[in-house]
Protein backbone atom coordinates (compact mmCIF):
# COMPACT_ATOMS: atom_id res chain seq x y z
CA MET A 1 27.78 -168.02 251.85
CA SER A 2 28.44 -170.25 248.82
CA SER A 3 27.72 -167.59 246.17
CA GLU A 4 29.78 -164.98 248.01
CA LEU A 5 32.63 -167.45 248.46
CA LEU A 6 32.46 -168.48 244.80
CA ASP A 7 32.67 -164.83 243.74
CA ALA A 8 35.63 -164.30 246.08
CA LEU A 9 37.41 -167.37 244.71
CA ASP A 10 36.84 -166.23 241.12
CA LEU A 11 38.29 -162.82 241.98
CA LEU A 12 41.34 -164.38 243.65
CA GLU A 13 41.95 -166.60 240.65
CA ARG A 14 41.89 -163.61 238.31
CA GLU A 15 43.88 -161.14 240.41
CA LYS A 16 46.21 -163.29 242.52
CA GLY A 17 46.58 -166.35 240.32
CA ILE A 18 45.40 -168.71 243.08
CA GLY A 19 43.37 -171.62 241.68
CA LYS A 20 39.92 -172.23 243.18
CA GLU A 21 40.70 -175.91 243.64
CA VAL A 22 43.74 -175.06 245.76
CA ILE A 23 41.70 -172.87 248.10
CA ILE A 24 38.81 -175.36 248.30
CA GLU A 25 41.25 -178.12 249.29
CA ALA A 26 42.73 -175.83 251.93
CA ILE A 27 39.26 -174.96 253.27
CA GLU A 28 38.31 -178.64 253.49
CA ALA A 29 41.50 -179.42 255.40
CA ALA A 30 40.87 -176.50 257.74
CA LEU A 31 37.25 -177.61 258.30
CA ILE A 32 38.42 -181.07 259.33
CA SER A 33 40.72 -179.47 261.89
CA ALA A 34 37.93 -177.15 263.07
CA TYR A 35 35.50 -180.05 263.43
CA LYS A 36 37.92 -182.06 265.56
CA ARG A 37 38.80 -179.02 267.66
CA ASN A 38 35.30 -177.66 268.23
CA PHE A 39 33.47 -180.96 268.68
CA ASN A 40 36.22 -182.82 270.54
CA GLN A 41 36.42 -185.54 267.92
CA ALA A 42 39.48 -187.67 267.18
CA GLN A 43 37.94 -189.81 264.48
CA ASN A 44 38.96 -189.93 260.84
CA VAL A 45 36.68 -187.57 258.94
CA ARG A 46 36.22 -186.14 255.45
CA VAL A 47 34.56 -182.84 254.55
CA ASP A 48 32.54 -182.56 251.36
CA LEU A 49 32.31 -178.91 250.30
CA ASN A 50 29.97 -178.27 247.36
CA LEU A 51 29.92 -174.57 246.60
CA GLU A 52 27.59 -174.96 243.62
CA LYS A 53 24.83 -176.44 245.79
CA GLY A 54 25.83 -174.55 248.90
CA THR A 55 26.19 -177.76 250.91
CA MET A 56 28.78 -178.67 253.48
CA ARG A 57 28.83 -182.14 255.01
CA VAL A 58 31.14 -184.00 257.36
CA PHE A 59 31.63 -187.78 257.05
CA ALA A 60 33.25 -190.08 259.57
CA ARG A 61 35.43 -192.69 257.83
CA LYS A 62 35.58 -196.08 259.56
CA ASP A 63 37.37 -199.31 258.66
CA VAL A 64 35.23 -202.43 258.41
CA VAL A 65 36.61 -205.10 260.82
CA ASP A 66 35.58 -208.43 262.32
CA GLU A 67 36.09 -207.18 265.89
CA VAL A 68 35.82 -203.52 266.92
CA PHE A 69 38.47 -202.15 269.28
CA ASP A 70 37.99 -198.39 268.66
CA PRO A 71 34.42 -197.42 267.63
CA ARG A 72 35.62 -193.98 266.54
CA LEU A 73 37.76 -195.52 263.80
CA GLU A 74 36.22 -198.95 263.22
CA ILE A 75 32.84 -200.54 262.46
CA SER A 76 31.83 -204.20 262.56
CA VAL A 77 30.97 -206.11 259.40
CA GLU A 78 27.40 -206.66 260.63
CA GLU A 79 26.76 -202.98 261.29
CA ALA A 80 28.36 -201.96 258.01
CA GLN A 81 26.19 -204.39 256.07
CA ARG A 82 23.08 -202.87 257.60
CA ILE A 83 24.11 -199.69 255.75
CA ASN A 84 25.06 -201.53 252.58
CA PRO A 85 25.06 -205.33 252.19
CA ASN A 86 28.08 -205.15 249.87
CA TYR A 87 30.52 -203.98 252.56
CA GLN A 88 33.29 -206.47 253.43
CA VAL A 89 36.24 -206.50 255.87
CA ASP A 90 38.91 -203.84 255.08
CA ASP A 91 36.38 -201.64 253.27
CA ILE A 92 35.84 -198.06 254.44
CA VAL A 93 32.40 -196.86 255.49
CA GLU A 94 31.50 -193.16 255.46
CA ILE A 95 28.83 -192.02 257.88
CA GLU A 96 27.55 -188.44 257.89
CA VAL A 97 28.23 -186.68 261.20
CA THR A 98 27.61 -183.04 260.23
CA PRO A 99 26.85 -180.98 263.39
CA LYS A 100 23.82 -178.68 263.29
CA ASP A 101 25.73 -175.40 263.82
CA PHE A 102 28.71 -176.36 261.68
CA GLY A 103 27.83 -173.72 259.06
CA ARG A 104 28.87 -170.85 261.34
CA ILE A 105 32.22 -172.49 262.12
CA ALA A 106 32.69 -173.29 258.44
CA ALA A 107 32.14 -169.66 257.41
CA GLN A 108 34.71 -168.40 259.92
CA THR A 109 37.20 -171.08 258.88
CA ALA A 110 36.75 -170.36 255.17
CA LYS A 111 37.38 -166.67 255.75
CA GLN A 112 40.57 -167.39 257.70
CA VAL A 113 41.85 -169.80 255.04
CA VAL A 114 41.16 -167.42 252.16
CA THR A 115 42.87 -164.56 254.00
CA GLN A 116 45.89 -166.73 254.77
CA ARG A 117 46.13 -168.01 251.20
CA VAL A 118 45.98 -164.48 249.80
CA ARG A 119 48.76 -163.41 252.14
CA GLU A 120 50.87 -166.43 251.19
CA ALA A 121 50.25 -165.82 247.50
CA GLU A 122 51.30 -162.19 247.76
CA ARG A 123 54.44 -163.20 249.63
CA GLY A 124 55.13 -165.84 247.00
CA VAL A 125 54.80 -163.29 244.20
CA ILE A 126 57.16 -160.88 245.96
CA TYR A 127 59.65 -163.66 246.67
CA SER A 128 59.62 -164.85 243.05
CA GLU A 129 60.07 -161.30 241.78
CA PHE A 130 63.05 -160.53 243.99
CA ALA A 131 64.64 -164.01 243.86
CA ASP A 132 65.10 -163.39 240.14
CA ARG A 133 66.87 -160.13 240.95
CA GLU A 134 69.44 -161.57 243.33
CA GLU A 135 72.91 -160.27 242.35
CA ASP A 136 71.31 -157.32 240.57
CA ILE A 137 71.01 -153.65 241.54
CA MET A 138 67.90 -151.63 242.29
CA THR A 139 67.22 -148.06 243.27
CA GLY A 140 65.66 -147.77 246.71
CA ILE A 141 64.57 -145.05 249.13
CA VAL A 142 66.00 -144.91 252.64
CA GLN A 143 63.16 -145.19 255.17
CA ARG A 144 64.70 -145.41 258.63
CA GLN A 145 67.58 -146.98 260.52
CA ASP A 146 68.44 -148.62 263.81
CA SER A 147 71.64 -149.94 265.37
CA ARG A 148 71.84 -152.91 262.96
CA PHE A 149 70.16 -152.01 259.69
CA ILE A 150 69.13 -149.26 257.34
CA TYR A 151 65.69 -150.04 255.92
CA VAL A 152 65.47 -149.34 252.20
CA SER A 153 62.12 -149.36 250.38
CA LEU A 154 62.22 -151.26 247.09
CA GLY A 155 58.56 -150.59 246.34
CA LYS A 156 56.66 -153.69 247.47
CA ILE A 157 59.01 -154.54 250.31
CA GLU A 158 61.64 -153.10 252.64
CA ALA A 159 65.17 -154.42 252.22
CA LEU A 160 67.79 -154.59 254.96
CA LEU A 161 71.14 -152.84 254.53
CA PRO A 162 73.38 -154.24 257.32
CA LEU A 163 75.96 -152.09 259.07
CA ASN A 164 78.89 -154.00 257.53
CA GLU A 165 77.45 -153.49 254.02
CA GLN A 166 77.28 -149.69 254.37
CA MET A 167 79.98 -147.50 252.83
CA PRO A 168 82.11 -145.78 255.49
CA ASN A 169 82.14 -142.47 253.62
CA GLU A 170 78.36 -142.20 253.31
CA GLN A 171 75.62 -140.79 255.52
CA TYR A 172 72.14 -142.18 254.91
CA LYS A 173 69.14 -139.97 255.57
CA PRO A 174 65.41 -140.74 255.23
CA HIS A 175 64.12 -140.22 251.66
CA ASP A 176 67.61 -140.49 250.12
CA ARG A 177 67.59 -142.43 246.84
CA ILE A 178 70.43 -144.96 246.65
CA LYS A 179 71.40 -147.83 244.38
CA VAL A 180 71.84 -151.12 246.24
CA TYR A 181 73.08 -154.60 245.29
CA ILE A 182 70.77 -157.47 246.25
CA THR A 183 72.95 -160.06 247.98
CA LYS A 184 70.37 -162.49 249.35
CA VAL A 185 66.64 -163.21 249.17
CA GLU A 186 65.26 -165.54 251.85
CA ARG A 187 61.89 -167.13 252.55
CA THR A 188 60.82 -166.66 256.17
CA THR A 189 57.63 -167.31 258.11
CA LYS A 190 56.96 -163.57 257.99
CA GLY A 191 57.49 -163.35 254.25
CA PRO A 192 60.47 -162.66 251.97
CA GLN A 193 63.55 -161.09 253.56
CA ILE A 194 65.89 -159.16 251.27
CA TYR A 195 69.45 -158.17 252.13
CA VAL A 196 71.28 -155.49 250.14
CA SER A 197 74.76 -154.01 250.03
CA ARG A 198 76.58 -150.83 249.06
CA THR A 199 80.04 -152.37 249.50
CA HIS A 200 79.78 -155.57 247.44
CA PRO A 201 82.08 -155.77 244.37
CA GLY A 202 79.01 -156.81 242.39
CA LEU A 203 77.59 -153.29 242.81
CA LEU A 204 80.57 -151.86 240.94
CA LYS A 205 80.20 -154.45 238.18
CA ARG A 206 76.48 -153.77 237.73
CA LEU A 207 77.02 -150.01 237.67
CA PHE A 208 79.50 -150.38 234.81
CA GLU A 209 77.06 -152.66 232.98
CA LYS A 210 74.46 -149.88 233.14
CA GLU A 211 76.88 -147.14 232.07
CA VAL A 212 78.84 -149.02 229.38
CA PRO A 213 76.78 -150.41 226.46
CA GLU A 214 79.72 -152.56 225.34
CA ILE A 215 79.65 -154.41 228.67
CA TYR A 216 75.88 -154.82 228.57
CA ASP A 217 75.93 -156.33 225.07
CA GLY A 218 78.94 -158.56 225.81
CA THR A 219 81.47 -156.81 223.55
CA VAL A 220 83.53 -155.98 226.64
CA GLU A 221 83.71 -158.36 229.60
CA ILE A 222 84.52 -157.51 233.20
CA LYS A 223 86.86 -160.31 234.21
CA SER A 224 87.42 -159.49 237.87
CA VAL A 225 86.73 -156.81 240.49
CA SER A 226 88.53 -155.95 243.71
CA ARG A 227 87.16 -153.29 245.96
CA GLU A 228 87.74 -151.46 249.21
CA ALA A 229 84.41 -149.69 249.34
CA GLY A 230 84.43 -145.93 249.67
CA ASP A 231 88.15 -145.62 248.95
CA ARG A 232 89.50 -147.42 245.87
CA SER A 233 88.61 -150.21 243.45
CA LYS A 234 90.13 -152.00 240.48
CA ILE A 235 88.40 -153.78 237.62
CA SER A 236 89.96 -155.82 234.81
CA VAL A 237 88.31 -155.79 231.40
CA HIS A 238 88.77 -157.70 228.17
CA SER A 239 87.40 -157.85 224.64
CA ASP A 240 87.80 -160.60 222.06
CA LEU A 241 87.47 -158.02 219.29
CA ALA A 242 90.82 -156.59 218.23
CA ASP A 243 89.36 -153.24 217.21
CA VAL A 244 87.66 -152.65 220.60
CA ASP A 245 89.59 -150.93 223.37
CA PRO A 246 88.00 -152.32 226.57
CA VAL A 247 89.60 -149.74 228.87
CA GLY A 248 88.61 -146.84 226.63
CA ALA A 249 85.04 -148.15 226.40
CA CYS A 250 84.74 -148.15 230.20
CA VAL A 251 86.31 -144.72 230.53
CA GLY A 252 83.98 -143.22 227.92
CA PRO A 253 84.17 -139.87 226.11
CA LYS A 254 86.00 -137.41 228.36
CA GLY A 255 85.68 -139.92 231.19
CA GLN A 256 81.89 -139.57 231.39
CA ARG A 257 81.14 -143.26 231.94
CA VAL A 258 83.61 -143.94 234.70
CA GLN A 259 82.85 -140.57 236.28
CA ALA A 260 79.16 -141.51 236.52
CA VAL A 261 80.13 -144.61 238.49
CA VAL A 262 82.55 -142.61 240.67
CA ASN A 263 79.79 -140.12 241.46
CA GLU A 264 77.35 -142.87 242.41
CA LEU A 265 79.97 -144.28 244.80
CA LYS A 266 80.62 -140.86 246.34
CA GLY A 267 84.13 -140.34 244.96
CA GLU A 268 85.51 -143.87 245.21
CA LYS A 269 88.59 -144.02 242.95
CA ILE A 270 88.47 -146.66 240.23
CA ASP A 271 91.38 -148.15 238.28
CA ILE A 272 90.43 -149.86 235.01
CA VAL A 273 93.08 -152.25 233.68
CA ARG A 274 93.40 -154.67 230.79
CA TRP A 275 92.96 -158.34 231.64
CA SER A 276 95.42 -160.84 230.20
CA LYS A 277 95.72 -164.61 230.43
CA ASP A 278 99.47 -164.03 230.79
CA PRO A 279 100.04 -163.50 234.56
CA VAL A 280 103.14 -161.40 233.85
CA GLU A 281 101.19 -158.89 231.82
CA PHE A 282 98.06 -159.04 234.00
CA VAL A 283 99.91 -158.45 237.28
CA ALA A 284 101.86 -155.56 235.72
CA ASN A 285 98.62 -153.99 234.49
CA ALA A 286 96.91 -154.55 237.85
CA LEU A 287 99.55 -152.50 239.67
CA SER A 288 98.56 -149.42 237.65
CA PRO A 289 99.23 -146.51 237.95
CA SER A 290 102.76 -147.60 238.89
CA LYS A 291 105.27 -148.69 236.22
CA VAL A 292 106.67 -152.22 236.32
CA LEU A 293 110.15 -153.35 235.23
CA ASP A 294 109.73 -157.10 235.61
CA VAL A 295 107.35 -159.77 236.92
CA ILE A 296 108.80 -163.10 238.02
CA VAL A 297 106.17 -165.84 238.25
CA ASP A 298 106.15 -168.88 240.54
CA GLU A 299 103.40 -171.07 239.06
CA GLY A 300 103.55 -173.65 241.86
CA GLU A 301 102.94 -171.13 244.63
CA LYS A 302 100.77 -168.92 242.39
CA ALA A 303 102.99 -166.06 243.47
CA THR A 304 104.82 -163.25 241.70
CA THR A 305 107.77 -161.03 242.47
CA VAL A 306 107.32 -157.60 240.91
CA ILE A 307 110.24 -155.24 240.37
CA VAL A 308 109.52 -151.53 240.05
CA PRO A 309 111.74 -148.43 239.75
CA ASP A 310 112.95 -147.12 243.10
CA TYR A 311 110.94 -143.92 242.79
CA GLN A 312 107.78 -145.94 242.02
CA LEU A 313 107.97 -148.29 245.02
CA SER A 314 105.62 -146.37 247.29
CA LEU A 315 103.17 -145.83 244.42
CA ALA A 316 103.17 -149.54 243.57
CA ILE A 317 102.55 -150.54 247.18
CA GLY A 318 100.05 -147.78 247.76
CA LYS A 319 98.83 -146.16 250.95
CA LYS A 320 98.94 -148.80 253.71
CA GLY A 321 99.59 -151.42 250.99
CA GLN A 322 96.25 -150.77 249.31
CA ASN A 323 97.39 -150.79 245.67
CA ALA A 324 99.29 -154.07 246.05
CA ARG A 325 96.43 -155.60 248.06
CA LEU A 326 93.81 -154.69 245.45
CA ALA A 327 96.05 -155.92 242.63
CA ALA A 328 96.47 -159.28 244.37
CA LYS A 329 92.71 -159.64 244.81
CA LEU A 330 92.12 -158.63 241.21
CA THR A 331 94.57 -161.11 239.71
CA GLY A 332 94.31 -163.95 242.22
CA TRP A 333 98.14 -164.01 242.48
CA LYS A 334 100.30 -163.26 245.51
CA ILE A 335 102.38 -160.17 244.82
CA ASP A 336 105.73 -159.34 246.42
CA ILE A 337 106.99 -155.90 245.32
CA LYS A 338 110.69 -155.05 245.27
CA SER A 339 112.47 -151.89 244.23
CA GLU A 340 115.00 -152.05 241.39
CA SER A 341 117.98 -151.48 243.69
CA GLU A 342 116.75 -154.11 246.18
CA ALA A 343 116.33 -156.62 243.37
CA GLU A 344 119.85 -155.97 242.07
CA GLN A 345 121.28 -156.48 245.57
CA GLU A 346 119.54 -159.87 245.68
CA GLY A 347 120.92 -160.77 242.26
CA ILE A 348 117.62 -160.30 240.46
CA TYR A 349 118.12 -158.26 237.32
CA PRO A 350 114.96 -156.76 235.88
CA ARG A 351 114.42 -157.25 232.16
CA MET A 352 112.75 -153.84 231.78
CA PHE A 353 109.29 -155.28 231.19
CA GLU A 354 107.30 -153.10 228.82
CA GLN A 355 103.97 -152.53 230.48
CA LYS A 356 101.21 -151.49 228.09
CA ASP A 357 100.51 -147.85 228.83
CA LEU A 358 97.16 -146.17 228.53
CA THR A 359 96.46 -144.24 225.38
CA GLU A 360 97.04 -140.51 225.61
CA GLN A 361 93.28 -139.92 225.72
CA GLU A 362 92.79 -142.45 228.55
CA ASP A 363 95.78 -141.06 230.46
CA GLU A 364 94.39 -137.53 230.17
CA VAL A 365 90.94 -138.69 231.31
CA PHE A 366 92.30 -140.45 234.39
CA ASP A 367 94.31 -137.38 235.32
CA THR A 368 91.15 -135.27 235.02
CA ILE A 369 89.15 -137.71 237.19
CA GLU A 370 91.89 -137.89 239.82
CA ASN A 371 92.03 -134.08 240.01
CA GLU A 372 88.24 -133.77 240.31
CA ILE A 373 88.07 -136.36 243.07
CA GLU A 374 90.98 -134.95 245.02
């Protein structure tokens, strides 16, 4: 058994990265447990496993005492000194107690330990691999589904796509290839458990990172994302370089970059706006595509009152308040929208705030994308 076990341990060390010493220690611990279980022993024992010589011995460890109360754990000074005259009180004496048929039990135990360690090592490798990819996206293949989850194969493991993380405008069929955002990687007794999402704002951010080189290399930064998955999203972008147009970079030539993201999200509309540290400008930009006349800021309440032309009121608020809601999430400011006539009645006179418009190319691209989606 020793040569076969040595060969197996060498193979595991090369292929699985599990050190021989680690497995030998685990086998020795398991043999102690097996000895106590199979031979009804409660004494303190040590197993000496020598794979080079092919020997396996069990030693009972007993404390040297003046008076013995438990012979399984203690030995008198007189008896200890018959073994070795140098033993004194509080020393530990080891006496070999190896059973005759212990080799068979040892072989079974070693096999079980090696199998368990291999399984644990494989789970550990998978966990480490996917823990590093938390908050990243991967392409998976839909396998099956039940009432709670869709099971998505990520190669070495199946990930769980919960019902509340599925896009309402999508149907998932077996063998469909989909991009998913890894939200959580957990260690469990059954191995790593991976949860993924199709609705997380991080999915939108990662998709733009893959489509827009300027985002990937840090030239353009995505400052914030707000999303109502399957319907509409907004992202704010910024660049420290004056000659870089962050919105144009995300839109891409003829809208190719943003259209690729829209296609991946099955037609979800995406507004790309310029970020600004000035809340007046940022809130006005966030309410795109509506025009803004004025933004009144209440720093203490972190709230804004936005005045828009009468004919733009419904556009600024959006269907069921969606545009205003997404803008508030994007900016982190409360937004109260008033029409120009309503503001004048309340004594608020808009200062005709000049919102930065899109370039003609960007405006044309967004019109094209809107028409294609609709």
